Amino acid sequence: MSNETPRAGDLLVRVGAIVFLVGAVATLATVAPLFLGVDPLPPAAYFVCMLMGVGFLVAGAGVLRSIAEQRRHAREAAGSVAAR
């Protein structure tokens, strides 16, 4: 376990990574029948593949939120030093 405090955006990055992995597994599952010569999966499986993109966007939003928080803290620290 880490002693680091969670920052804004960390949860979004973790959730995005999990959603991305679910989409990646679905993509592998939908492509496998093409190589194995069996019947393709139903269309619903192809829609689950779109979770890769959704997960990528959610994780990206978490990274942007973390960047915004770091910038805000840097501005506050610079403002307090300038006020002295």
N, C-alpha and C. Protein backbone atom coordinates (compact mmCIF):
# COMPACT_ATOMS: atom_id res chain seq x y z
N MET A 1 0.84 -1.18 0.00
CA MET A 1 0.00 0.00 0.00
C MET A 1 0.88 1.24 0.00
N SER A 2 0.46 2.24 -0.69
CA SER A 2 1.21 3.48 -0.80
C SER A 2 0.72 4.49 0.25
N ASN A 3 1.64 5.32 0.72
CA ASN A 3 1.29 6.37 1.67
C ASN A 3 0.85 7.65 0.95
N GLU A 4 0.86 7.62 -0.36
CA GLU A 4 0.52 8.80 -1.16
C GLU A 4 -0.98 9.06 -1.10
N THR A 5 -1.34 10.32 -0.97
CA THR A 5 -2.77 10.66 -0.94
C THR A 5 -3.32 10.65 -2.36
N PRO A 6 -4.53 10.15 -2.53
CA PRO A 6 -5.11 10.14 -3.88
C PRO A 6 -5.38 11.55 -4.37
N ARG A 7 -5.10 11.78 -5.62
CA ARG A 7 -5.30 13.09 -6.22
C ARG A 7 -6.55 13.08 -7.09
N ALA A 8 -6.98 14.28 -7.43
CA ALA A 8 -8.14 14.39 -8.33
C ALA A 8 -7.78 13.74 -9.66
N GLY A 9 -8.66 12.94 -10.16
CA GLY A 9 -8.42 12.28 -11.44
C GLY A 9 -7.91 10.86 -11.33
N ASP A 10 -7.38 10.47 -10.17
CA ASP A 10 -6.86 9.12 -10.01
C ASP A 10 -7.94 8.06 -10.20
N LEU A 11 -9.11 8.31 -9.65
CA LEU A 11 -10.20 7.35 -9.78
C LEU A 11 -10.65 7.24 -11.24
N LEU A 12 -10.70 8.36 -11.93
CA LEU A 12 -11.08 8.32 -13.34
C LEU A 12 -10.08 7.52 -14.17
N VAL A 13 -8.81 7.67 -13.87
CA VAL A 13 -7.79 6.92 -14.61
C VAL A 13 -7.95 5.42 -14.34
N ARG A 14 -8.18 5.05 -13.10
CA ARG A 14 -8.34 3.63 -12.78
C ARG A 14 -9.59 3.03 -13.41
N VAL A 15 -10.71 3.76 -13.34
CA VAL A 15 -11.95 3.28 -13.95
C VAL A 15 -11.77 3.19 -15.46
N GLY A 16 -11.14 4.19 -16.05
CA GLY A 16 -10.89 4.18 -17.49
C GLY A 16 -10.03 3.00 -17.92
N ALA A 17 -9.03 2.66 -17.11
CA ALA A 17 -8.17 1.52 -17.43
C ALA A 17 -8.96 0.22 -17.37
N ILE A 18 -9.83 0.08 -16.39
CA ILE A 18 -10.64 -1.14 -16.28
C ILE A 18 -11.60 -1.26 -17.45
N VAL A 19 -12.26 -0.16 -17.80
CA VAL A 19 -13.19 -0.18 -18.93
C VAL A 19 -12.44 -0.48 -20.22
N PHE A 20 -11.26 0.10 -20.37
CA PHE A 20 -10.43 -0.17 -21.55
C PHE A 20 -10.07 -1.65 -21.64
N LEU A 21 -9.69 -2.24 -20.51
CA LEU A 21 -9.32 -3.66 -20.52
C LEU A 21 -10.51 -4.55 -20.86
N VAL A 22 -11.69 -4.19 -20.38
CA VAL A 22 -12.89 -4.96 -20.73
C VAL A 22 -13.12 -4.89 -22.24
N GLY A 23 -12.97 -3.71 -22.81
CA GLY A 23 -13.11 -3.55 -24.25
C GLY A 23 -12.05 -4.29 -25.02
N ALA A 24 -10.82 -4.33 -24.50
CA ALA A 24 -9.74 -5.05 -25.17
C ALA A 24 -10.00 -6.55 -25.18
N VAL A 25 -10.48 -7.08 -24.06
CA VAL A 25 -10.80 -8.51 -24.01
C VAL A 25 -11.95 -8.82 -24.97
N ALA A 26 -12.94 -7.93 -25.03
CA ALA A 26 -14.05 -8.13 -25.96
C ALA A 26 -13.56 -8.09 -27.41
N THR A 27 -12.61 -7.23 -27.69
CA THR A 27 -12.06 -7.16 -29.04
C THR A 27 -11.35 -8.45 -29.40
N LEU A 28 -10.55 -8.97 -28.46
CA LEU A 28 -9.89 -10.25 -28.72
C LEU A 28 -10.91 -11.37 -28.92
N ALA A 29 -11.98 -11.33 -28.16
CA ALA A 29 -13.00 -12.38 -28.27
C ALA A 29 -13.75 -12.29 -29.59
N THR A 30 -13.94 -11.09 -30.10
CA THR A 30 -14.67 -10.96 -31.37
C THR A 30 -13.79 -11.23 -32.58
N VAL A 31 -12.49 -11.03 -32.44
CA VAL A 31 -11.58 -11.29 -33.56
C VAL A 31 -11.19 -12.77 -33.61
N ALA A 32 -11.17 -13.43 -32.49
CA ALA A 32 -10.74 -14.84 -32.44
C ALA A 32 -11.53 -15.75 -33.38
N PRO A 33 -12.86 -15.63 -33.47
CA PRO A 33 -13.57 -16.52 -34.40
C PRO A 33 -13.13 -16.37 -35.86
N LEU A 34 -12.64 -15.21 -36.24
CA LEU A 34 -12.16 -15.04 -37.60
C LEU A 34 -10.95 -15.91 -37.89
N PHE A 35 -10.08 -16.07 -36.90
CA PHE A 35 -8.88 -16.88 -37.07
C PHE A 35 -9.14 -18.36 -36.81
N LEU A 36 -10.15 -18.66 -35.99
CA LEU A 36 -10.44 -20.04 -35.64
C LEU A 36 -11.41 -20.71 -36.61
N GLY A 37 -12.02 -19.93 -37.49
CA GLY A 37 -12.93 -20.49 -38.48
C GLY A 37 -14.28 -20.91 -37.92
N VAL A 38 -14.72 -20.30 -36.84
CA VAL A 38 -16.03 -20.62 -36.27
C VAL A 38 -16.99 -19.47 -36.56
N ASP A 39 -18.25 -19.65 -36.18
CA ASP A 39 -19.25 -18.61 -36.41
C ASP A 39 -18.91 -17.35 -35.61
N PRO A 40 -19.12 -16.17 -36.23
CA PRO A 40 -18.82 -14.92 -35.50
C PRO A 40 -19.79 -14.71 -34.34
N LEU A 41 -19.37 -13.88 -33.42
CA LEU A 41 -20.20 -13.56 -32.26
C LEU A 41 -21.35 -12.64 -32.66
N PRO A 42 -22.38 -12.54 -31.83
CA PRO A 42 -23.51 -11.66 -32.16
C PRO A 42 -23.08 -10.18 -32.14
N PRO A 43 -23.87 -9.33 -32.77
CA PRO A 43 -23.50 -7.90 -32.85
C PRO A 43 -23.31 -7.22 -31.50
N ALA A 44 -23.97 -7.70 -30.47
CA ALA A 44 -23.79 -7.09 -29.15
C ALA A 44 -22.33 -7.15 -28.70
N ALA A 45 -21.63 -8.20 -29.07
CA ALA A 45 -20.22 -8.33 -28.69
C ALA A 45 -19.38 -7.24 -29.35
N TYR A 46 -19.75 -6.85 -30.56
CA TYR A 46 -19.00 -5.79 -31.24
C TYR A 46 -19.23 -4.43 -30.58
N PHE A 47 -20.41 -4.25 -30.01
CA PHE A 47 -20.67 -3.00 -29.29
C PHE A 47 -19.86 -2.93 -28.00
N VAL A 48 -19.62 -4.06 -27.38
CA VAL A 48 -18.80 -4.08 -26.15
C VAL A 48 -17.36 -3.69 -26.49
N CYS A 49 -16.93 -3.97 -27.71
CA CYS A 49 -15.58 -3.57 -28.14
C CYS A 49 -15.39 -2.07 -28.08
N MET A 50 -16.48 -1.33 -28.23
CA MET A 50 -16.38 0.13 -28.20
C MET A 50 -15.99 0.65 -26.83
N LEU A 51 -16.02 -0.20 -25.83
CA LEU A 51 -15.61 0.22 -24.49
C LEU A 51 -14.13 0.57 -24.45
N MET A 52 -13.35 0.07 -25.40
CA MET A 52 -11.94 0.46 -25.44
C MET A 52 -11.81 1.97 -25.60
N GLY A 53 -12.54 2.52 -26.53
CA GLY A 53 -12.49 3.96 -26.76
C GLY A 53 -13.05 4.75 -25.59
N VAL A 54 -14.13 4.24 -25.03
CA VAL A 54 -14.75 4.91 -23.87
C VAL A 54 -13.77 4.93 -22.70
N GLY A 55 -13.13 3.80 -22.44
CA GLY A 55 -12.15 3.73 -21.36
C GLY A 55 -10.97 4.66 -21.58
N PHE A 56 -10.54 4.76 -22.84
CA PHE A 56 -9.44 5.66 -23.17
C PHE A 56 -9.84 7.11 -22.89
N LEU A 57 -11.06 7.47 -23.26
CA LEU A 57 -11.52 8.84 -23.01
C LEU A 57 -11.68 9.13 -21.52
N VAL A 58 -12.18 8.17 -20.76
CA VAL A 58 -12.35 8.37 -19.31
C VAL A 58 -10.98 8.54 -18.64
N ALA A 59 -10.03 7.69 -19.02
CA ALA A 59 -8.68 7.81 -18.45
C ALA A 59 -8.04 9.13 -18.85
N GLY A 60 -8.25 9.55 -20.09
CA GLY A 60 -7.72 10.85 -20.54
C GLY A 60 -8.32 12.00 -19.76
N ALA A 61 -9.61 11.91 -19.45
CA ALA A 61 -10.26 12.94 -18.64
C ALA A 61 -9.65 12.98 -17.24
N GLY A 62 -9.32 11.82 -16.70
CA GLY A 62 -8.67 11.77 -15.38
C GLY A 62 -7.30 12.41 -15.40
N VAL A 63 -6.55 12.17 -16.47
CA VAL A 63 -5.23 12.79 -16.59
C VAL A 63 -5.36 14.30 -16.70
N LEU A 64 -6.31 14.77 -17.51
CA LEU A 64 -6.50 16.22 -17.65
C LEU A 64 -6.94 16.85 -16.33
N ARG A 65 -7.76 16.14 -15.57
CA ARG A 65 -8.20 16.66 -14.28
C ARG A 65 -7.01 16.75 -13.30
N SER A 66 -6.15 15.76 -13.35
CA SER A 66 -4.96 15.77 -12.50
C SER A 66 -4.02 16.92 -12.89
N ILE A 67 -3.88 17.14 -14.19
CA ILE A 67 -3.04 18.25 -14.66
C ILE A 67 -3.60 19.58 -14.17
N ALA A 68 -4.92 19.75 -14.27
CA ALA A 68 -5.54 21.00 -13.84
C ALA A 68 -5.33 21.22 -12.35
N GLU A 69 -5.42 20.15 -11.56
CA GLU A 69 -5.20 20.30 -10.11
C GLU A 69 -3.76 20.69 -9.82
N GLN A 70 -2.81 20.09 -10.50
CA GLN A 70 -1.40 20.42 -10.28
C GLN A 70 -1.11 21.86 -10.66
N ARG A 71 -1.69 22.31 -11.76
CA ARG A 71 -1.49 23.71 -12.17
C ARG A 71 -2.09 24.67 -11.14
N ARG A 72 -3.27 24.32 -10.62
CA ARG A 72 -3.92 25.16 -9.63
C ARG A 72 -3.05 25.28 -8.38
N HIS A 73 -2.48 24.15 -7.94
CA HIS A 73 -1.61 24.19 -6.75
C HIS A 73 -0.34 24.99 -7.04
N ALA A 74 0.20 24.87 -8.24
CA ALA A 74 1.40 25.63 -8.58
C ALA A 74 1.11 27.13 -8.60
N ARG A 75 -0.05 27.51 -9.14
CA ARG A 75 -0.42 28.93 -9.15
C ARG A 75 -0.61 29.46 -7.74
N GLU A 76 -1.24 28.66 -6.87
CA GLU A 76 -1.43 29.08 -5.48
C GLU A 76 -0.10 29.23 -4.76
N ALA A 77 0.82 28.31 -5.02
CA ALA A 77 2.13 28.38 -4.37
C ALA A 77 2.91 29.59 -4.89
N ALA A 78 2.83 29.87 -6.19
CA ALA A 78 3.52 31.02 -6.75
C ALA A 78 2.90 32.33 -6.24
N GLY A 79 1.59 32.33 -6.06
CA GLY A 79 0.91 33.53 -5.54
C GLY A 79 1.29 33.81 -4.10
N SER A 80 1.46 32.76 -3.29
CA SER A 80 1.82 32.98 -1.89
C SER A 80 3.27 33.42 -1.76
N VAL A 81 4.14 32.98 -2.68
CA VAL A 81 5.54 33.41 -2.64
C VAL A 81 5.63 34.86 -3.10
N ALA A 82 4.86 35.26 -4.09
CA ALA A 82 4.88 36.63 -4.59
C ALA A 82 4.31 37.62 -3.57
N ALA A 83 3.41 37.14 -2.72
CA ALA A 83 2.80 38.02 -1.73
C ALA A 83 3.75 38.37 -0.58
N ARG A 84 4.80 37.61 -0.45
CA ARG A 84 5.75 37.85 0.67
C ARG A 84 6.64 38.98 0.42
